[in-house]
Protein backbone atom coordinates (compact mmCIF):
# COMPACT_ATOMS: atom_id res chain seq x y z
CA MET A 1 111.22 97.89 73.71
CA LYS A 2 112.50 96.24 70.69
CA ASN A 3 116.71 96.22 69.75
CA VAL A 4 117.52 97.03 73.49
CA THR A 5 119.40 94.98 76.57
CA LEU A 6 119.50 95.86 79.85
CA SER A 7 122.18 94.97 81.94
CA ALA A 8 121.61 93.79 85.39
CA VAL A 9 121.46 96.04 88.54
CA VAL A 10 124.78 95.91 90.28
CA ARG A 11 125.89 97.61 93.48
CA ASP A 12 128.09 100.60 93.35
CA HIS A 13 129.63 101.10 96.69
CA ALA A 14 132.36 100.33 98.92
CA ARG A 15 132.02 97.28 101.64
CA ARG A 16 132.61 99.18 104.52
CA GLN A 17 129.45 101.77 103.48
CA LEU A 18 127.13 98.37 104.13
CA LEU A 19 127.83 98.95 107.61
CA CYS A 20 126.56 102.51 107.55
CA PRO A 21 124.46 103.41 104.53
CA ILE A 22 124.13 106.92 105.79
CA ARG A 23 126.06 109.46 104.40
CA THR A 24 125.61 113.36 106.28
CA TRP A 25 124.94 114.34 109.27
CA ARG A 26 121.70 115.32 108.31
CA GLN A 27 120.19 112.57 107.43
CA LEU A 28 121.49 110.37 110.43
CA GLY A 29 119.62 112.72 112.44
CA GLN A 30 116.58 112.49 110.53
CA TYR A 31 116.79 109.01 110.68
CA ALA A 32 117.59 108.39 114.36
CA THR A 33 114.56 110.75 115.03
CA THR A 34 112.44 108.37 112.74
CA LEU A 35 113.67 105.40 114.17
CA ALA A 36 113.16 106.78 117.85
CA LEU A 37 109.89 108.07 117.64
CA GLY A 38 108.37 105.40 114.99
CA LEU A 39 109.55 102.19 115.47
CA PRO A 40 108.30 101.93 119.65
CA ALA A 41 104.99 103.50 118.29
CA ILE A 42 105.06 100.13 115.84
CA ALA A 43 105.81 98.07 118.81
CA VAL A 44 103.43 99.31 121.18
CA VAL A 45 100.80 98.94 118.48
CA ALA A 46 101.43 95.76 117.47
CA HIS A 47 101.79 94.51 120.98
CA LEU A 48 98.30 96.17 121.63
CA PHE A 49 97.03 94.13 118.69
CA ASP A 50 98.33 91.01 120.18
CA PRO A 51 99.28 91.04 124.33
CA SER A 52 99.84 87.54 124.32
CA ALA A 53 102.76 87.78 121.71
CA PRO A 54 106.51 87.67 122.97
CA ILE A 55 107.81 90.99 122.98
CA ALA A 56 111.06 89.72 121.14
CA CYS A 57 109.00 88.21 118.55
CA ILE A 58 107.43 91.90 118.14
CA VAL A 59 111.17 94.23 118.57
CA ALA A 60 113.15 92.05 116.53
CA PRO A 61 110.92 92.36 112.97
CA VAL A 62 109.99 96.11 113.71
CA LEU A 63 113.88 96.89 114.15
CA ALA A 64 114.55 94.97 110.91
CA GLY A 65 111.65 96.81 109.32
CA GLY A 66 113.35 100.28 110.44
CA LEU A 67 116.62 99.41 109.25
CA LEU A 68 115.32 98.24 105.81
CA PRO A 69 114.62 102.14 104.20
CA ALA A 70 118.43 102.95 104.78
CA PHE A 71 119.83 100.16 102.36
CA ALA A 72 117.65 101.07 99.97
CA LEU A 73 119.69 104.25 98.72
CA LEU A 74 122.85 102.26 98.33
CA PRO A 75 124.21 103.04 95.20
CA GLY A 76 124.14 101.04 92.08
CA ARG A 77 124.21 101.03 88.20
CA PHE A 78 123.01 99.38 85.42
CA GLU A 79 123.64 99.97 81.14
CA VAL A 80 120.83 99.87 78.70
CA ASN A 81 122.64 98.90 75.32
CA THR A 82 120.86 99.56 72.09
CA ARG A 83 120.93 99.00 68.17
CA PHE A 84 120.65 103.01 67.63
CA HIS A 85 122.13 105.98 69.22
CA ALA A 86 121.48 106.46 72.82
CA HIS A 87 119.94 110.14 72.55
CA HIS A 88 116.99 108.31 71.43
CA LEU A 89 116.34 106.73 74.82
CA VAL A 90 115.87 110.00 76.35
CA GLY A 91 112.43 110.25 75.66
CA THR A 92 111.40 106.73 77.15
CA LEU A 93 113.72 107.74 80.29
CA ASP A 94 111.98 110.97 80.74
CA ALA A 95 108.55 109.10 80.60
CA SER A 96 109.35 106.33 82.48
CA LEU A 97 111.13 108.28 85.46
CA ALA A 98 108.47 110.70 85.72
CA ARG A 99 105.88 107.85 86.41
CA LEU A 100 108.27 107.08 89.41
CA GLY A 101 108.20 110.43 90.47
CA TYR A 102 111.65 112.10 89.29
CA ILE A 103 112.06 115.29 86.94
CA LYS A 104 115.02 116.24 84.60
CA ILE A 105 117.23 118.67 86.59
CA VAL A 106 120.41 118.69 83.75
CA GLU A 107 120.54 117.85 80.27
CA ASP A 108 123.72 118.02 78.54
CA PRO A 109 124.34 116.26 74.99
CA ALA A 110 126.41 113.66 76.79
CA SER A 111 124.53 113.26 80.50
CA LEU A 112 121.01 113.53 82.31
CA ARG A 113 120.38 113.94 86.20
CA TYR A 114 117.09 113.53 87.65
CA ARG A 115 115.60 114.24 90.94
CA PRO A 116 112.90 112.96 92.85
CA ARG A 117 110.06 115.69 92.32
CA ARG A 118 109.83 115.97 96.18
CA ARG A 119 112.00 115.54 98.56
CA ARG A 120 111.76 112.93 101.31
CA TRP A 121 113.31 112.22 104.66
CA LEU A 122 117.01 110.44 104.25
CA GLN A 123 117.21 112.05 100.49
CA GLY A 124 119.75 114.25 99.47
CA ALA A 125 121.76 113.60 95.96
CA ALA A 126 121.85 110.00 97.24
CA ALA A 127 118.56 109.84 95.57
CA ASP A 128 119.28 111.68 92.29
CA ILE A 129 119.70 109.65 89.06
CA ALA A 130 122.34 110.02 86.54
CA VAL A 131 122.60 108.70 82.88
CA THR A 132 125.54 109.32 80.93
CA LEU A 133 124.55 108.49 77.26
CA ARG A 134 127.50 107.32 74.98
CA ALA A 135 127.46 105.77 71.22
CA ASN A 136 124.99 102.93 71.83
CA THR A 137 125.11 102.59 75.48
CA ALA A 138 123.36 104.39 78.34
CA ASP A 139 124.58 104.04 81.89
CA ILE A 140 122.11 104.98 84.66
CA ALA A 141 123.21 105.52 88.27
CA GLY A 142 121.20 105.93 91.04
CA PRO A 143 119.65 104.46 94.48
CA LEU A 144 119.37 100.59 93.82
CA GLY A 145 115.34 100.37 94.77
CA THR A 146 115.03 102.96 91.95
CA LEU A 147 117.01 101.40 89.75
CA ARG A 148 115.28 98.25 89.87
CA ALA A 149 111.85 99.72 89.21
CA LEU A 150 113.22 101.95 86.32
CA GLN A 151 114.59 98.49 84.73
CA ARG A 152 111.21 96.81 85.17
CA GLN A 153 109.71 99.71 83.14
CA LEU A 154 111.94 100.05 80.72
CA SER A 155 111.59 96.05 80.01
CA CYS A 156 107.88 96.62 79.40
């Protein structure tokens, strides 16, 4: 896009949230159930695939992979600066977020809010994207993983 500059995606959370990125009891229950059922199944399949591998070489990567999705929902933000008024970006944001699986739920003159089309486990309001429109700047806040994907789409 011409006449548009994108800032880097930065984390927007307290350091203590890195210790426990899960925010609600419901998320904790769903995440614990998924870990309790999914990780042993993956470890058993990996062990059946290669019985000679040490069990520590199977369990450690499985546990690390099981913890990563919780950290993808940590909040972040980035800014889009334009030479024209930021309201002209709304159509582009709608199209880009629709490709990422989001729909618009709130549209005010100064703010927009998007929600995932399908609710997935471990997602509540933490998966929503909030856009604040100012004169020549759009401040976009949401989960880090989604913001990075949105930034890649907007930079094309």
